[in-house]
């Protein structure tokens, strides 16, 4: 396991300070605020630790309320909404400086047999043939070297590989609002199902709005031609998967309007099983000229 992955796992390992109350640390992201995927992943950890081990997360719905302060701890309070025979529901609220910055509702289910079908996996190249994040980012002379280092530091624990040019690599002309990335953790993980779901939640916030940027020829946060932030995030976990094995994140944007952009995606295992569905809306604004 890489040290970066171990550091990420330590970041997601919350301290329990009272029944249903947990505390997490923060760290800076590419932009000077707490990375939204970190807050979502930590909130899911908090919720999951109040649920019996035989019930696994099958969905989450979350709202980002305020920017997180990376210099302060985050306190997560969990409300035990319902414990049914098959399903368990939890609500987690993340608080900093006395104010909520994030809310999450998550549902967990015991395993049961049922009807089974899925959308087929789209074509995509073998991830081993694609350039790594470091190879791509260091090849872009137009990017600020300080921004490149921040991106690489933020993704050091994750092996994330774009199938095509990312928004910040080639911009200026609109492209099809679709993006594919392959990802896996940089090291093996324990067999805890919640851990793999939490890591996928963490990564899911990294690139989902890329397709919005592609539709308008924008390079994004790396080049400063848009400003934005996540607004809400939803995930459905359909089938078991491992976050330390290659996963295809197939993303598209059906709409952007009124300073908001919508991204929707499916995550597939390398052997073609549909593992996760994701939808996110975010603020995507063009900076105003002075």
Protein backbone atom coordinates (compact mmCIF):
# COMPACT_ATOMS: atom_id res chain seq x y z
CA UNK A 1 0.00 0.00 0.00
CA UNK A 2 1.32 3.46 -0.90
CA UNK A 3 1.87 5.99 1.89
CA UNK A 4 -0.58 8.32 0.15
CA UNK A 5 -3.31 5.67 0.29
CA UNK A 6 -2.56 4.96 3.94
CA UNK A 7 -2.82 8.70 4.66
CA UNK A 8 -6.19 8.79 2.90
CA UNK A 9 -7.46 5.80 4.88
CA UNK A 10 -6.31 7.51 8.09
CA UNK A 11 -8.21 10.64 7.00
CA UNK A 12 -11.38 8.58 6.53
CA UNK A 13 -10.98 6.73 9.84
CA UNK A 14 -13.14 8.92 12.08
CA UNK A 15 -12.76 9.34 15.82
CA UNK A 16 -15.90 8.43 17.77
CA UNK A 17 -16.37 11.03 20.50
CA UNK A 18 -19.86 10.02 21.68
CA UNK A 19 -22.64 7.69 20.61
CA UNK A 20 -23.68 8.81 17.10
CA UNK A 21 -21.06 11.60 17.08
CA UNK A 22 -17.77 11.39 15.16
CA UNK A 23 -14.91 13.74 14.39
CA UNK A 24 -12.84 13.88 11.24
CA UNK A 25 -9.76 15.76 10.14
CA UNK A 26 -9.52 17.79 6.94
CA UNK A 27 -6.90 18.69 4.41
CA UNK A 28 -6.66 21.19 1.59
CA UNK A 29 -7.87 20.31 -1.88
CA UNK A 30 -6.93 21.70 -5.30
CA UNK A 31 -8.99 24.76 -4.36
CA UNK A 32 -8.67 26.33 -0.87
CA UNK A 33 -11.53 24.44 0.73
CA UNK A 34 -12.28 20.92 1.89
CA UNK A 35 -12.70 18.52 -1.03
CA UNK A 36 -16.36 17.57 -1.33
CA UNK A 37 -15.58 13.91 -1.88
CA UNK A 38 -13.79 13.83 1.46
CA UNK A 39 -16.81 15.17 3.34
CA UNK A 40 -19.19 12.78 1.56
CA UNK A 41 -16.92 9.81 2.25
CA UNK A 42 -16.46 10.73 5.92
CA UNK A 43 -20.21 11.22 6.39
CA UNK A 44 -20.84 7.78 4.88
CA UNK A 45 -18.25 6.30 7.27
CA UNK A 46 -20.07 7.93 10.21
CA UNK A 47 -23.45 6.63 9.05
CA UNK A 48 -22.09 3.16 8.28
CA UNK A 49 -20.59 2.75 11.73
CA UNK A 50 -24.06 2.88 13.27
CA UNK A 51 -25.41 0.09 11.04
CA UNK A 52 -25.19 -3.71 11.53
CA UNK A 53 -22.37 -5.29 9.53
CA UNK A 54 -24.74 -7.44 7.46
CA UNK A 55 -26.37 -4.33 5.93
CA UNK A 56 -24.53 -2.70 3.07
CA UNK A 57 -24.94 0.80 1.62
CA UNK A 58 -27.16 0.84 -1.44
CA UNK A 59 -27.77 4.60 -1.86
CA UNK A 60 -26.88 8.05 -0.62
CA UNK A 61 -28.27 11.51 -1.23
CA UNK A 62 -26.30 14.55 -0.12
CA UNK A 63 -26.26 18.36 -0.17
CA UNK A 64 -23.19 20.56 0.07
CA UNK A 65 -24.28 23.58 2.13
CA UNK A 66 -21.13 25.61 2.83
CA UNK A 67 -17.46 25.51 1.93
CA UNK A 68 -15.46 23.44 4.41
CA UNK A 69 -12.52 24.92 6.30
CA UNK A 70 -9.50 22.62 5.79
CA UNK A 71 -7.88 24.03 8.94
CA UNK A 72 -10.62 22.87 11.30
CA UNK A 73 -12.00 19.43 12.30
CA UNK A 74 -15.44 18.35 11.10
CA UNK A 75 -17.98 16.90 13.54
CA UNK A 76 -20.48 14.39 12.17
CA UNK A 77 -23.72 13.70 14.01
CA UNK A 78 -25.75 10.68 12.94
CA UNK A 79 -29.50 10.35 13.35
CA UNK A 80 -30.86 6.79 13.34
CA UNK A 81 -33.93 7.37 11.21
CA UNK A 82 -35.15 3.78 10.84
CA UNK A 83 -34.11 0.19 11.40
CA UNK A 84 -36.42 -2.09 9.43
CA UNK A 85 -36.29 -5.81 8.70
CA UNK A 86 -34.47 -5.29 5.40
CA UNK A 87 -33.48 -1.62 5.25
CA UNK A 88 -31.74 0.81 7.59
CA UNK A 89 -31.79 4.58 7.09
CA UNK A 90 -29.37 7.11 8.55
CA UNK A 91 -28.96 10.88 8.33
CA UNK A 92 -25.56 12.49 8.94
CA UNK A 93 -24.84 16.20 9.34
CA UNK A 94 -21.31 17.62 9.09
CA UNK A 95 -20.67 20.66 11.27
CA UNK A 96 -17.83 23.18 11.37
CA UNK A 97 -17.65 26.34 13.48
CA UNK A 98 -21.14 25.61 14.78
CA UNK A 99 -22.79 25.52 11.36
CA UNK A 100 -23.78 22.61 9.09
CA UNK A 101 -21.69 22.39 5.94
CA UNK A 102 -23.06 19.11 4.52
CA UNK A 103 -25.96 16.70 4.98
CA UNK A 104 -26.24 13.09 3.88
CA UNK A 105 -29.02 10.53 3.91
CA UNK A 106 -27.93 6.95 3.35
CA UNK A 107 -29.79 3.67 3.13
CA UNK A 108 -28.42 0.20 3.87
CA UNK A 109 -29.91 -3.19 2.99
CA UNK A 110 -29.45 -6.85 3.87
CA UNK A 111 -28.61 -8.96 0.82
CA UNK A 112 -31.49 -10.65 -0.99
CA UNK A 113 -32.08 -12.38 -4.30
CA UNK A 114 -34.10 -10.56 -6.95
CA UNK A 115 -34.58 -9.62 -10.62
CA UNK A 116 -31.32 -8.75 -12.36
CA UNK A 117 -30.53 -6.71 -15.49
CA UNK A 118 -28.21 -3.82 -16.37
CA UNK A 119 -27.16 -1.38 -19.06
CA UNK A 120 -24.19 -2.84 -20.97
CA UNK A 121 -20.74 -1.38 -20.36
CA UNK A 122 -19.72 1.07 -23.12
CA UNK A 123 -16.54 0.51 -25.16
CA UNK A 124 -13.36 1.74 -23.46
CA UNK A 125 -9.65 0.99 -23.86
CA UNK A 126 -7.64 -1.10 -21.43
CA UNK A 127 -6.61 1.21 -18.55
CA UNK A 128 -3.06 -0.20 -18.66
CA UNK A 129 -2.64 1.44 -22.10
CA UNK A 130 -3.57 4.94 -20.86
CA UNK A 131 -1.20 7.60 -19.47
CA UNK A 132 -1.14 8.09 -15.72
CA UNK A 133 -2.22 11.37 -14.13
CA UNK A 134 1.41 12.35 -13.67
CA UNK A 135 2.29 11.62 -17.28
CA UNK A 136 -0.65 13.69 -18.52
CA UNK A 137 -0.32 16.62 -16.15
CA UNK A 138 3.42 17.07 -16.50
CA UNK A 139 2.97 17.13 -20.26
CA UNK A 140 0.85 20.29 -20.27
CA UNK A 141 3.08 23.34 -20.62
CA UNK A 142 0.14 25.73 -20.34
CA UNK A 143 -0.70 24.73 -16.78
CA UNK A 144 0.75 26.54 -13.78
CA UNK A 145 3.31 24.14 -12.24
CA UNK A 146 1.88 24.90 -8.78
CA UNK A 147 -1.57 23.77 -10.00
CA UNK A 148 -0.07 20.59 -11.45
CA UNK A 149 1.54 19.76 -8.10
CA UNK A 150 -1.75 20.35 -6.26
CA UNK A 151 -3.59 18.03 -8.65
CA UNK A 152 -0.96 15.33 -8.29
CA UNK A 153 -0.96 15.62 -4.50
CA UNK A 154 -4.77 15.44 -4.37
CA UNK A 155 -4.78 12.27 -6.52
CA UNK A 156 -1.67 10.58 -5.17
CA UNK A 157 -3.68 7.86 -3.42
CA UNK A 158 -5.72 7.13 -6.57
CA UNK A 159 -4.54 5.86 -9.94
CA UNK A 160 -6.86 7.89 -12.19
CA UNK A 161 -6.50 7.71 -15.97
CA UNK A 162 -8.47 9.72 -18.56
CA UNK A 163 -9.46 7.94 -21.75
CA UNK A 164 -9.40 11.21 -23.74
CA UNK A 165 -7.98 14.66 -23.05
CA UNK A 166 -9.34 16.12 -19.80
CA UNK A 167 -10.98 19.55 -19.95
CA UNK A 168 -7.82 21.35 -18.83
CA UNK A 169 -5.70 19.54 -21.42
CA UNK A 170 -7.47 20.71 -24.56
CA UNK A 171 -9.99 23.53 -24.37
CA UNK A 172 -11.38 26.47 -26.34
CA UNK A 173 -13.74 24.48 -28.57
CA UNK A 174 -16.87 22.63 -27.38
CA UNK A 175 -16.68 18.84 -27.43
CA UNK A 176 -19.16 16.06 -26.86
CA UNK A 177 -20.26 16.28 -23.21
CA UNK A 178 -18.91 12.84 -22.33
CA UNK A 179 -15.85 11.78 -20.37
CA UNK A 180 -14.40 8.46 -19.28
CA UNK A 181 -11.82 7.77 -16.61
CA UNK A 182 -10.50 4.54 -15.15
CA UNK A 183 -9.59 4.54 -11.48
CA UNK A 184 -8.44 2.33 -8.62
CA UNK A 185 -6.65 2.91 -5.34
CA UNK A 186 -2.86 2.88 -5.34
CA UNK A 187 -2.67 -0.24 -3.20
CA UNK A 188 -4.77 -3.12 -1.94
CA UNK A 189 -7.60 -2.57 0.54
CA UNK A 190 -9.09 -4.73 3.27
CA UNK A 191 -12.18 -6.80 2.48
CA UNK A 192 -14.57 -4.43 4.31
CA UNK A 193 -17.44 -3.69 1.82
CA UNK A 194 -18.11 -0.27 3.39
CA UNK A 195 -14.49 0.77 2.78
CA UNK A 196 -14.76 0.11 -0.96
CA UNK A 197 -18.05 2.03 -1.19
CA UNK A 198 -16.50 4.92 0.77
CA UNK A 199 -13.46 5.08 -1.54
CA UNK A 200 -15.70 5.11 -4.63
CA UNK A 201 -17.70 7.93 -3.03
CA UNK A 202 -14.48 9.87 -2.46
CA UNK A 203 -13.36 9.51 -6.08
CA UNK A 204 -16.81 10.15 -7.56
CA UNK A 205 -16.55 13.89 -6.81
CA UNK A 206 -13.23 14.34 -8.64
CA UNK A 207 -14.31 14.39 -12.30
CA UNK A 208 -18.10 14.21 -12.58
CA UNK A 209 -18.56 17.80 -13.80
CA UNK A 210 -15.88 17.42 -16.50
CA UNK A 211 -18.53 16.69 -19.11
CA UNK A 212 -20.22 20.03 -18.35
CA UNK A 213 -16.93 21.80 -19.08
CA UNK A 214 -16.36 19.83 -22.28
CA UNK A 215 -19.73 20.91 -23.67
CA UNK A 216 -18.60 24.55 -23.53
CA UNK A 217 -14.89 24.24 -24.29
CA UNK A 218 -13.91 25.24 -20.78
CA UNK A 219 -10.70 24.11 -19.10
CA UNK A 220 -12.13 24.34 -15.61
CA UNK A 221 -10.66 25.02 -12.21
CA UNK A 222 -7.12 24.15 -13.37
CA UNK A 223 -7.01 27.10 -15.77
CA UNK A 224 -9.46 29.44 -14.03
CA UNK A 225 -12.00 29.91 -16.83
CA UNK A 226 -14.86 28.77 -14.57
CA UNK A 227 -15.61 28.86 -10.87
CA UNK A 228 -17.76 26.25 -9.25
CA UNK A 229 -18.62 23.91 -6.44
CA UNK A 230 -20.70 20.79 -5.87
CA UNK A 231 -24.33 21.39 -4.87
CA UNK A 232 -25.80 17.92 -4.42
CA UNK A 233 -24.70 14.36 -5.02
CA UNK A 234 -26.51 11.04 -5.27
CA UNK A 235 -25.19 7.49 -5.65
CA UNK A 236 -26.79 4.05 -5.98
CA UNK A 237 -24.63 1.01 -5.28
CA UNK A 238 -26.02 -1.83 -7.40
CA UNK A 239 -23.49 -4.65 -7.16
CA UNK A 240 -20.43 -5.49 -5.07
CA UNK A 241 -17.10 -4.13 -6.33
CA UNK A 242 -13.57 -3.45 -5.14
CA UNK A 243 -12.13 0.06 -5.27
CA UNK A 244 -8.62 -1.40 -5.49
CA UNK A 245 -9.46 -2.97 -8.86
CA UNK A 246 -10.01 -1.02 -12.08
CA UNK A 247 -13.37 0.74 -12.36
CA UNK A 248 -14.63 2.62 -15.42
CA UNK A 249 -16.30 5.96 -14.63
CA UNK A 250 -18.45 6.76 -17.68
CA UNK A 251 -19.75 10.34 -17.38
CA UNK A 252 -21.96 12.69 -19.37
CA UNK A 253 -23.82 15.98 -18.95
CA UNK A 254 -27.42 16.23 -20.16
CA UNK A 255 -27.85 19.90 -19.18
CA UNK A 256 -26.35 23.13 -17.92
CA UNK A 257 -28.40 26.25 -17.22
CA UNK A 258 -28.67 29.19 -14.82
CA UNK A 259 -25.14 28.81 -13.45
CA UNK A 260 -25.62 25.09 -12.72
CA UNK A 261 -24.39 22.00 -14.53
CA UNK A 262 -25.63 18.42 -14.23
CA UNK A 263 -23.40 15.38 -14.49
CA UNK A 264 -24.57 11.77 -14.52
CA UNK A 265 -22.45 8.65 -14.65
CA UNK A 266 -22.18 4.90 -14.32
CA UNK A 267 -19.30 3.01 -12.75
CA UNK A 268 -18.48 -0.42 -14.18
CA UNK A 269 -16.11 -3.14 -13.04
CA UNK A 270 -13.47 -4.14 -15.58
CA UNK A 271 -15.42 -7.32 -16.41
CA UNK A 272 -18.50 -5.25 -17.33
CA UNK A 273 -20.74 -5.33 -14.25
CA UNK A 274 -22.65 -2.12 -13.50
CA UNK A 275 -21.59 -1.31 -9.94
CA UNK A 276 -22.71 2.27 -9.24
CA UNK A 277 -24.88 5.05 -10.69
CA UNK A 278 -24.05 8.66 -9.86
CA UNK A 279 -25.74 12.04 -10.39
CA UNK A 280 -24.38 15.41 -9.32
CA UNK A 281 -25.32 19.03 -9.87
CA UNK A 282 -22.83 21.81 -9.29
CA UNK A 283 -22.38 25.53 -9.62
CA UNK A 284 -20.50 26.22 -12.87
CA UNK A 285 -20.04 29.93 -13.49
CA UNK A 286 -17.97 31.90 -15.93
CA UNK A 287 -15.93 34.51 -13.99
CA UNK A 288 -17.18 38.05 -14.44
CA UNK A 289 -14.87 40.46 -16.19
CA UNK A 290 -13.92 43.61 -14.28
